[in-house]
C-alpha atoms as a PDB file:
ATOM      1  CA  ASN A   1      26.342 -25.382 -55.366  1.00  0.00           C
ATOM      2  CA  LEU A   2      23.392 -23.002 -55.223  1.00  0.00           C
ATOM      3  CA  ASN A   3      21.660 -25.219 -52.671  1.00  0.00           C
ATOM      4  CA  LEU A   4      24.834 -25.379 -50.581  1.00  0.00           C
ATOM      5  CA  GLU A   5      25.196 -21.579 -50.630  1.00  0.00           C
ATOM      6  CA  GLU A   6      21.535 -21.127 -49.565  1.00  0.00           C
ATOM      7  CA  ASP A   7      22.018 -23.567 -46.668  1.00  0.00           C
ATOM      8  CA  LEU A   8      25.105 -21.666 -45.492  1.00  0.00           C
ATOM      9  CA  ILE A   9      23.257 -18.324 -45.708  1.00  0.00           C
ATOM     10  CA  ASN A  10      20.253 -19.649 -43.748  1.00  0.00           C
ATOM     11  CA  GLN A  11      22.533 -21.192 -41.110  1.00  0.00           C
ATOM     12  CA  THR A  12      24.475 -17.933 -40.711  1.00  0.00           C
ATOM     13  CA  TYR A  13      21.229 -15.921 -40.441  1.00  0.00           C
ATOM     14  CA  GLN A  14      19.846 -18.240 -37.761  1.00  0.00           C
ATOM     15  CA  GLU A  15      23.073 -18.038 -35.762  1.00  0.00           C
ATOM     16  CA  ASP A  16      23.147 -14.221 -35.966  1.00  0.00           C
ATOM     17  CA  THR A  17      19.507 -13.848 -34.893  1.00  0.00           C
ATOM     18  CA  THR A  18      19.689 -16.311 -32.015  1.00  0.00           C
ATOM     19  CA  ILE A  19      18.978 -14.545 -28.696  1.00  0.00           C
ATOM     20  CA  LYS A  20      20.774 -15.984 -25.707  1.00  0.00           C
ATOM     21  CA  LEU A  21      19.042 -15.372 -22.390  1.00  0.00           C
ATOM     22  CA  THR A  22      21.167 -15.542 -19.264  1.00  0.00           C
ATOM     23  CA  LEU A  23      19.870 -15.023 -15.746  1.00  0.00           C
ATOM     24  CA  PRO A  24      21.926 -12.878 -13.378  1.00  0.00           C
ATOM     25  CA  ASP A  25      23.803 -14.767 -10.704  1.00  0.00           C
ATOM     26  CA  PHE A  26      22.344 -14.536  -7.204  1.00  0.00           C
ATOM     27  CA  GLU A  27      24.887 -14.525  -4.438  1.00  0.00           C
ATOM     28  CA  PRO A  28      23.470 -16.614  -1.575  1.00  0.00           C
ATOM     29  CA  TYR A  29      23.972 -15.441   1.991  1.00  0.00           C
ATOM     30  CA  LYS A  30      22.890 -16.324   5.510  1.00  0.00           C
ATOM     31  CA  LYS A  31      20.704 -14.089   7.624  1.00  0.00           C
ATOM     32  CA  VAL A  32      19.475 -14.044  11.196  1.00  0.00           C
ATOM     33  CA  GLU A  33      16.930 -11.299  11.882  1.00  0.00           C
ATOM     34  CA  THR A  34      14.781 -10.433  14.865  1.00  0.00           C
ATOM     35  CA  ARG A  35      11.630  -8.326  14.666  1.00  0.00           C
ATOM     36  CA  ILE A  36       9.771  -6.618  17.498  1.00  0.00           C
ATOM     37  CA  GLN A  37       6.397  -4.923  17.056  1.00  0.00           C
ATOM     38  CA  LEU A  38       4.629  -2.949  19.777  1.00  0.00           C
ATOM     39  CA  THR A  39       1.065  -1.630  19.494  1.00  0.00           C
ATOM     40  CA  TRP A  40      -0.394   0.880  21.936  1.00  0.00           C
ATOM     41  CA  LEU A  41      -4.089   1.724  22.147  1.00  0.00           C
ATOM     42  CA  PRO A  42      -4.280   4.736  24.517  1.00  0.00           C
ATOM     43  CA  PHE A  43      -7.167   4.682  26.995  1.00  0.00           C
ATOM     44  CA  GLN A  44      -8.625   1.534  25.508  1.00  0.00           C
ATOM     45  CA  LYS A  45     -12.200   0.861  26.599  1.00  0.00           C
ATOM     46  CA  TYR A  46     -13.403  -2.593  27.646  1.00  0.00           C
ATOM     47  CA  TYR A  47     -15.768  -4.440  29.936  1.00  0.00           C
ATOM     48  CA  TYR A  48     -16.109  -7.939  31.371  1.00  0.00           C
ATOM     49  CA  LYS A  49     -18.942 -10.294  30.566  1.00  0.00           C
ATOM     50  CA  LYS A  50     -18.972 -13.714  32.233  1.00  0.00           C
ATOM     51  CA  ASN A  51     -15.241 -13.491  32.962  1.00  0.00           C
ATOM     52  CA  LYS A  52     -14.563 -12.592  29.334  1.00  0.00           C
ATOM     53  CA  LYS A  53     -12.913  -9.306  28.406  1.00  0.00           C
ATOM     54  CA  ILE A  54     -14.796  -7.427  25.672  1.00  0.00           C
ATOM     55  CA  VAL A  55     -12.643  -4.761  23.975  1.00  0.00           C
ATOM     56  CA  LEU A  56     -14.478  -1.663  22.734  1.00  0.00           C
ATOM     57  CA  GLY A  57     -11.499   0.119  21.221  1.00  0.00           C
ATOM     58  CA  THR A  58     -10.261   3.645  21.831  1.00  0.00           C
ATOM     59  CA  ASP A  59     -11.137   7.180  20.819  1.00  0.00           C
ATOM     60  CA  PHE A  60      -7.471   7.978  20.257  1.00  0.00           C
ATOM     61  CA  PRO A  61      -5.033   7.020  17.474  1.00  0.00           C
ATOM     62  CA  THR A  62      -3.390   3.588  17.652  1.00  0.00           C
ATOM     63  CA  ILE A  63       0.416   3.833  17.838  1.00  0.00           C
ATOM     64  CA  ASN A  64       2.665   1.188  16.264  1.00  0.00           C
ATOM     65  CA  MET A  65       6.425   0.683  16.503  1.00  0.00           C
ATOM     66  CA  ILE A  66       8.436  -1.870  14.495  1.00  0.00           C
ATOM     67  CA  TYR A  67      12.096  -2.637  15.129  1.00  0.00           C
ATOM     68  CA  ARG A  68      14.119  -5.000  12.912  1.00  0.00           C
ATOM     69  CA  LYS A  69      17.653  -6.082  13.703  1.00  0.00           C
ATOM     70  CA  GLY A  70      19.945  -8.039  11.389  1.00  0.00           C
ATOM     71  CA  LEU A  71      22.218  -9.987  13.712  1.00  0.00           C
ATOM     72  CA  PRO A  72      25.766 -10.554  12.413  1.00  0.00           C
ATOM     73  CA  LYS A  73      27.919 -13.653  13.083  1.00  0.00           C
ATOM     74  CA  ILE A  74      25.117 -15.611  14.785  1.00  0.00           C
ATOM     75  CA  PHE A  75      24.853 -18.960  12.938  1.00  0.00           C
ATOM     76  CA  ASN A  76      27.201 -17.405  10.367  1.00  0.00           C
ATOM     77  CA  SER A  77      24.766 -14.585   9.638  1.00  0.00           C
ATOM     78  CA  GLU A  78      26.267 -12.015   7.262  1.00  0.00           C
ATOM     79  CA  VAL A  79      23.847  -9.096   7.715  1.00  0.00           C
ATOM     80  CA  ASN A  80      24.166  -6.169  10.079  1.00  0.00           C
ATOM     81  CA  PHE A  81      21.410  -3.552  10.071  1.00  0.00           C
ATOM     82  CA  ASP A  82      18.870  -1.782  12.284  1.00  0.00           C
ATOM     83  CA  TYR A  83      15.495  -0.541  11.060  1.00  0.00           C
ATOM     84  CA  LEU A  84      12.993   1.527  13.052  1.00  0.00           C
ATOM     85  CA  GLU A  85       9.440   2.408  11.993  1.00  0.00           C
ATOM     86  CA  ILE A  86       6.866   4.433  13.901  1.00  0.00           C
ATOM     87  CA  GLY A  87       3.278   4.719  12.709  1.00  0.00           C
ATOM     88  CA  ALA A  88      -0.206   5.719  13.766  1.00  0.00           C
ATOM     89  CA  ASN A  89      -3.699   5.095  12.437  1.00  0.00           C
ATOM     90  CA  HIS A  90      -7.150   6.199  13.451  1.00  0.00           C
ATOM     91  CA  LYS A  91     -10.747   6.459  12.336  1.00  0.00           C
ATOM     92  CA  PHE A  92     -13.338   8.912  13.552  1.00  0.00           C
ATOM     93  CA  LYS A  93     -16.831  10.051  12.678  1.00  0.00           C
ATOM     94  CA  ILE A  94     -17.853  13.575  11.759  1.00  0.00           C
ATOM     95  CA  PRO A  95     -21.516  14.231  12.598  1.00  0.00           C
ATOM     96  CA  HIS A  96     -23.691  14.441   9.471  1.00  0.00           C
ATOM     97  CA  LEU A  97     -20.619  14.129   7.199  1.00  0.00           C
ATOM     98  CA  GLY A  98     -19.511  10.502   7.480  1.00  0.00           C
ATOM     99  CA  GLU A  99     -16.320   8.799   8.645  1.00  0.00           C
ATOM    100  CA  SER A 100     -12.621   9.523   8.174  1.00  0.00           C
ATOM    101  CA  LYS A 101      -9.671   7.101   8.299  1.00  0.00           C
ATOM    102  CA  TRP A 102      -5.955   7.882   8.189  1.00  0.00           C
ATOM    103  CA  ASN A 103      -2.623   6.081   8.356  1.00  0.00           C
ATOM    104  CA  PHE A 104       0.832   7.590   8.970  1.00  0.00           C
ATOM    105  CA  GLU A 105       4.305   5.980   8.887  1.00  0.00           C
ATOM    106  CA  LEU A 106       7.869   7.202   9.427  1.00  0.00           C
ATOM    107  CA  GLY A 107      10.759   4.786   8.975  1.00  0.00           C
ATOM    108  CA  THR A 108      14.540   4.742   8.632  1.00  0.00           C
ATOM    109  CA  PHE A 109      17.553   2.434   8.610  1.00  0.00           C
ATOM    110  CA  ILE A 110      19.607   3.679  11.539  1.00  0.00           C
ATOM    111  CA  ASN A 111      22.345   1.158  10.742  1.00  0.00           C
ATOM    112  CA  ASP A 112      23.148  -0.210   7.280  1.00  0.00           C
ATOM    113  CA  ASN A 113      26.629  -1.683   7.767  1.00  0.00           C
ATOM    114  CA  ASN A 114      25.657  -4.835   5.875  1.00  0.00           C
ATOM    115  CA  LEU A 115      22.247  -4.370   4.301  1.00  0.00           C
ATOM    116  CA  ARG A 116      21.248  -6.494   1.321  1.00  0.00           C
ATOM    117  CA  PHE A 117      18.836  -5.260  -1.334  1.00  0.00           C
ATOM    118  CA  ILE A 118      16.114  -7.711  -0.317  1.00  0.00           C
ATOM    119  CA  GLU A 119      16.065  -6.160   3.180  1.00  0.00           C
ATOM    120  CA  TRP A 120      15.291  -2.656   1.882  1.00  0.00           C
ATOM    121  CA  LYS A 121      11.912  -1.042   2.456  1.00  0.00           C
ATOM    122  CA  PHE A 122       9.601  -1.544  -0.534  1.00  0.00           C
ATOM    123  CA  PHE A 123       6.452   0.331  -1.576  1.00  0.00           C
ATOM    124  CA  ARG A 124       4.214  -1.519  -3.996  1.00  0.00           C
ATOM    125  CA  GLY A 125       3.654   0.113  -7.354  1.00  0.00           C
ATOM    126  CA  SER A 126       0.210   1.122  -8.597  1.00  0.00           C
ATOM    127  CA  ASP A 127      -2.045  -0.996 -10.789  1.00  0.00           C
ATOM    128  CA  PRO A 128      -3.361   0.709 -13.950  1.00  0.00           C
ATOM    129  CA  PHE A 129      -7.098   1.495 -13.750  1.00  0.00           C
ATOM    130  CA  ILE A 130      -7.505  -0.558 -10.512  1.00  0.00           C
ATOM    131  CA  PHE A 131      -8.317   1.310  -7.295  1.00  0.00           C
ATOM    132  CA  SER A 132      -6.494  -0.348  -4.389  1.00  0.00           C
ATOM    133  CA  ASN A 133      -6.859   0.191  -0.639  1.00  0.00           C
ATOM    134  CA  PRO A 134      -5.989   3.912  -0.245  1.00  0.00           C
ATOM    135  CA  LEU A 135      -4.905   3.433   3.389  1.00  0.00           C
ATOM    136  CA  THR A 136      -2.107   0.986   2.541  1.00  0.00           C
ATOM    137  CA  SER A 137      -1.193   1.779  -1.077  1.00  0.00           C
ATOM    138  CA  PHE A 138      -1.010   4.486  -3.730  1.00  0.00           C
ATOM    139  CA  GLN A 139      -3.067   4.894  -6.886  1.00  0.00           C
ATOM    140  CA  LEU A 140      -0.592   6.704  -9.170  1.00  0.00           C
ATOM    141  CA  LEU A 141       2.828   5.961  -7.698  1.00  0.00           C
ATOM    142  CA  GLY A 142       3.993   4.161 -10.839  1.00  0.00           C
ATOM    143  CA  PRO A 143       6.554   1.340 -10.471  1.00  0.00           C
ATOM    144  CA  THR A 144       7.525  -0.168  -7.128  1.00  0.00           C
ATOM    145  CA  ILE A 145       9.719   2.112  -4.995  1.00  0.00           C
ATOM    146  CA  ASN A 146      12.456   0.907  -2.634  1.00  0.00           C
ATOM    147  CA  THR A 147      14.857   2.613  -0.256  1.00  0.00           C
ATOM    148  CA  ASN A 148      17.722   1.833   2.100  1.00  0.00           C
ATOM    149  CA  GLY A 149      17.268   5.179   3.852  1.00  0.00           C
ATOM    150  CA  SER A 150      14.347   7.008   5.430  1.00  0.00           C
ATOM    151  CA  PHE A 151      10.786   7.683   4.282  1.00  0.00           C
ATOM    152  CA  LEU A 152       7.626   9.470   5.344  1.00  0.00           C
ATOM    153  CA  ARG A 153       4.164   8.524   4.138  1.00  0.00           C
ATOM    154  CA  GLY A 154       0.564   9.409   4.933  1.00  0.00           C
ATOM    155  CA  ASN A 155      -2.828   8.148   3.660  1.00  0.00           C
ATOM    156  CA  TYR A 156      -6.299   9.569   4.259  1.00  0.00           C
ATOM    157  CA  ILE A 157      -9.834   8.762   3.105  1.00  0.00           C
ATOM    158  CA  HIS A 158     -13.239  10.169   4.011  1.00  0.00           C
ATOM    159  CA  ASN A 159     -16.465   8.324   3.253  1.00  0.00           C
ATOM    160  CA  PHE A 160     -19.556  10.517   3.273  1.00  0.00           C
ATOM    161  CA  ASN A 161     -21.729   7.364   3.480  1.00  0.00           C
ATOM    162  CA  GLY A 162     -24.608   8.917   1.572  1.00  0.00           C
ATOM    163  CA  ASN A 163     -24.754  12.081   3.685  1.00  0.00           C
ATOM    164  CA  ILE A 164     -24.272  14.244   0.560  1.00  0.00           C
ATOM    165  CA  LEU A 165     -25.797  12.389  -2.389  1.00  0.00           C
ATOM    166  CA  ASN A 166     -28.818  11.119  -0.444  1.00  0.00           C
ATOM    167  CA  LYS A 167     -29.970  14.728  -0.010  1.00  0.00           C
ATOM    168  CA  ILE A 168     -30.287  15.272  -3.760  1.00  0.00           C
ATOM    169  CA  PRO A 169     -33.801  14.482  -5.125  1.00  0.00           C
ATOM    170  CA  LEU A 170     -34.052  11.510  -7.498  1.00  0.00           C
ATOM    171  CA  LEU A 171     -30.347  10.756  -7.032  1.00  0.00           C
ATOM    172  CA  ASN A 172     -31.068   9.548  -3.507  1.00  0.00           C
ATOM    173  CA  ARG A 173     -32.982   6.591  -4.941  1.00  0.00           C
ATOM    174  CA  VAL A 174     -29.805   5.188  -6.484  1.00  0.00           C
ATOM    175  CA  LYS A 175     -28.134   4.960  -3.030  1.00  0.00           C
ATOM    176  CA  LEU A 176     -24.756   6.200  -4.237  1.00  0.00           C
ATOM    177  CA  GLN A 177     -22.036   7.130  -1.753  1.00  0.00           C
ATOM    178  CA  LEU A 178     -19.362   9.786  -2.168  1.00  0.00           C
ATOM    179  CA  SER A 179     -15.760   9.446  -0.962  1.00  0.00           C
ATOM    180  CA  ALA A 180     -12.540  11.438  -1.288  1.00  0.00           C
ATOM    181  CA  GLY A 181      -9.003  11.268   0.009  1.00  0.00           C
ATOM    182  CA  ALA A 182      -5.316  11.969  -0.410  1.00  0.00           C
ATOM    183  CA  ALA A 183      -1.935  10.305   0.038  1.00  0.00           C
ATOM    184  CA  SER A 184       1.694  11.352   0.015  1.00  0.00           C
ATOM    185  CA  ILE A 185       5.144   9.778   0.265  1.00  0.00           C
ATOM    186  CA  LEU A 186       8.614  11.315   0.591  1.00  0.00           C
ATOM    187  CA  VAL A 187      11.797   9.282  -0.007  1.00  0.00           C
ATOM    188  CA  PRO A 188      14.822  11.631   0.250  1.00  0.00           C
ATOM    189  CA  ASN A 189      17.567   9.338  -1.051  1.00  0.00           C
ATOM    190  CA  GLN A 190      15.451   8.519  -4.134  1.00  0.00           C
ATOM    191  CA  ASN A 191      14.580  12.206  -4.700  1.00  0.00           C
ATOM    192  CA  LEU A 192      10.924  11.174  -4.651  1.00  0.00           C
ATOM    193  CA  ASN A 193       8.117  13.537  -3.641  1.00  0.00           C
ATOM    194  CA  HIS A 194       4.679  12.200  -4.468  1.00  0.00           C
ATOM    195  CA  VAL A 195       1.239  13.652  -3.670  1.00  0.00           C
ATOM    196  CA  GLU A 196      -2.095  12.344  -4.932  1.00  0.00           C
ATOM    197  CA  ILE A 197      -5.803  12.977  -4.402  1.00  0.00           C
ATOM    198  CA  PHE A 198      -8.910  11.091  -5.464  1.00  0.00           C
ATOM    199  CA  VAL A 199     -12.690  11.362  -5.493  1.00  0.00           C
ATOM    200  CA  GLY A 200     -15.209   8.657  -6.276  1.00  0.00           C
ATOM    201  CA  ILE A 201     -18.728   7.312  -6.056  1.00  0.00           C
ATOM    202  CA  SER A 202     -19.668   3.807  -4.988  1.00  0.00           C
ATOM    203  CA  ARG A 203     -22.681   1.658  -4.216  1.00  0.00           C
ATOM    204  CA  PRO A 204     -22.963  -1.342  -1.883  1.00  0.00           C
ATOM    205  CA  PHE A 205     -24.316  -4.657  -3.170  1.00  0.00           C
ATOM    206  CA  ARG A 206     -25.094  -7.891  -1.366  1.00  0.00           C
ATOM    207  CA  ILE A 207     -23.233 -10.821  -2.956  1.00  0.00           C
ATOM    208  CA  PHE A 208     -23.382 -14.369  -1.581  1.00  0.00           C
ATOM    209  CA  GLY A 209     -24.578 -13.083   1.771  1.00  0.00           C
ATOM    210  CA  GLY A 210     -21.813 -10.457   2.064  1.00  0.00           C
ATOM    211  CA  LEU A 211     -21.567  -6.764   1.305  1.00  0.00           C
ATOM    212  CA  VAL A 212     -19.300  -5.323  -1.382  1.00  0.00           C
ATOM    213  CA  LYS A 213     -18.981  -1.723  -2.550  1.00  0.00           C
ATOM    214  CA  PHE A 214     -18.213  -1.238  -6.234  1.00  0.00           C
ATOM    215  CA  GLY A 215     -16.941   2.209  -7.106  1.00  0.00           C
ATOM    216  CA  ALA A 216     -15.580   4.453  -9.847  1.00  0.00           C
ATOM    217  CA  TYR A 217     -12.852   6.944  -8.944  1.00  0.00           C
ATOM    218  CA  LEU A 218     -10.816   9.716 -10.518  1.00  0.00           C
ATOM    219  CA  SER A 219      -7.254  10.002  -9.226  1.00  0.00           C
ATOM    220  CA  GLY A 220      -4.760  12.791  -9.816  1.00  0.00           C
ATOM    221  CA  SER A 221      -1.138  13.109  -8.717  1.00  0.00           C
ATOM    222  CA  ILE A 222       1.965  15.252  -8.945  1.00  0.00           C
ATOM    223  CA  ASN A 223       5.282  13.425  -8.784  1.00  0.00           C
ATOM    224  CA  SER A 224       8.858  14.733  -8.736  1.00  0.00           C
ATOM    225  CA  SER A 225       9.867  12.234 -11.435  1.00  0.00           C
ATOM    226  CA  GLU A 226       6.705  11.781 -13.543  1.00  0.00           C
ATOM    227  CA  GLY A 227       5.006  15.166 -13.205  1.00  0.00           C
ATOM    228  CA  ILE A 228       1.206  15.469 -13.260  1.00  0.00           C
ATOM    229  CA  LYS A 229      -0.974  12.458 -13.971  1.00  0.00           C
ATOM    230  CA  VAL A 230      -4.734  11.826 -13.990  1.00  0.00           C
ATOM    231  CA  GLU A 231      -6.373   8.413 -14.340  1.00  0.00           C
ATOM    232  CA  PRO A 232      -9.853   6.862 -13.830  1.00  0.00           C
ATOM    233  CA  LYS A 233     -10.046   3.829 -11.545  1.00  0.00           C
ATOM    234  CA  LEU A 234     -12.456   1.027 -10.661  1.00  0.00           C
ATOM    235  CA  GLY A 235     -12.443  -0.666  -7.267  1.00  0.00           C
ATOM    236  CA  ALA A 236     -14.214  -3.014  -4.880  1.00  0.00           C
ATOM    237  CA  ASN A 237     -14.421  -2.571  -1.112  1.00  0.00           C
ATOM    238  CA  GLY A 238     -15.399  -5.488   1.109  1.00  0.00           C
ATOM    239  CA  TYR A 239     -17.265  -5.406   4.422  1.00  0.00           C
ATOM    240  CA  SER A 240     -15.951  -7.443   7.361  1.00  0.00           C
ATOM    241  CA  SER A 241     -18.651  -8.864   9.636  1.00  0.00           C
ATOM    242  CA  PHE A 242     -15.923  -9.629  12.212  1.00  0.00           C
ATOM    243  CA  THR A 243     -14.862  -5.983  12.677  1.00  0.00           C
ATOM    244  CA  ASN A 244     -18.181  -4.491  11.471  1.00  0.00           C
ATOM    245  CA  SER A 245     -16.348  -2.140   9.133  1.00  0.00           C
ATOM    246  CA  TRP A 246     -15.333  -1.669   5.506  1.00  0.00           C
ATOM    247  CA  ASP A 247     -11.769  -2.331   4.358  1.00  0.00           C
ATOM    248  CA  TYR A 248     -11.456   1.400   3.624  1.00  0.00           C
END
């Protein structure tokens, strides 16, 4: 009898502590979407060499426009939305102070009659202690942000390229480079206002025939939902021999 009672108690305990995992149901739907992207390089410079056009770029910001349209009823498509995004980016040199790069974007859903969650605009969350490309991401944003409304974002970085640290005796032998920047994003329907700044030092190394900058950064931010935050970061910046420029 004692053995039977122990078996019943163990069985009841196992049944009570069993955790049942159920995945949420995903409602399938059909979508037909068209996307148009226009890029304008004002006063672009170029020349011809042996009937080949060589593009030199422009001294003015590059303008981008993206338009997405969810087409209803075509091939039984169930979505119906319009999304418009306007952006600009540019890089320029400051004599004796290095090079600056910036990126700006303004976007909104001008029609959301039938807009599914997967079609919303997403902003990737930040990685802890990893410094990501400051022109396309944020360092202290926290979790991934999404919106079915409007947003405004801006990113900026300036690389002094040794123009500051190379003028300090003894320190100039280490070949360190100083950089600093800022970023901000506003998402009204999420009540999100985020501003961050960063400063860091890096040094280029040649690895397997290519150039890579390894750097240490200190980032600080003020966020409408998380308050003030400060965090050290480590990052790597690659050099492209095709464009003759660093990733950031």
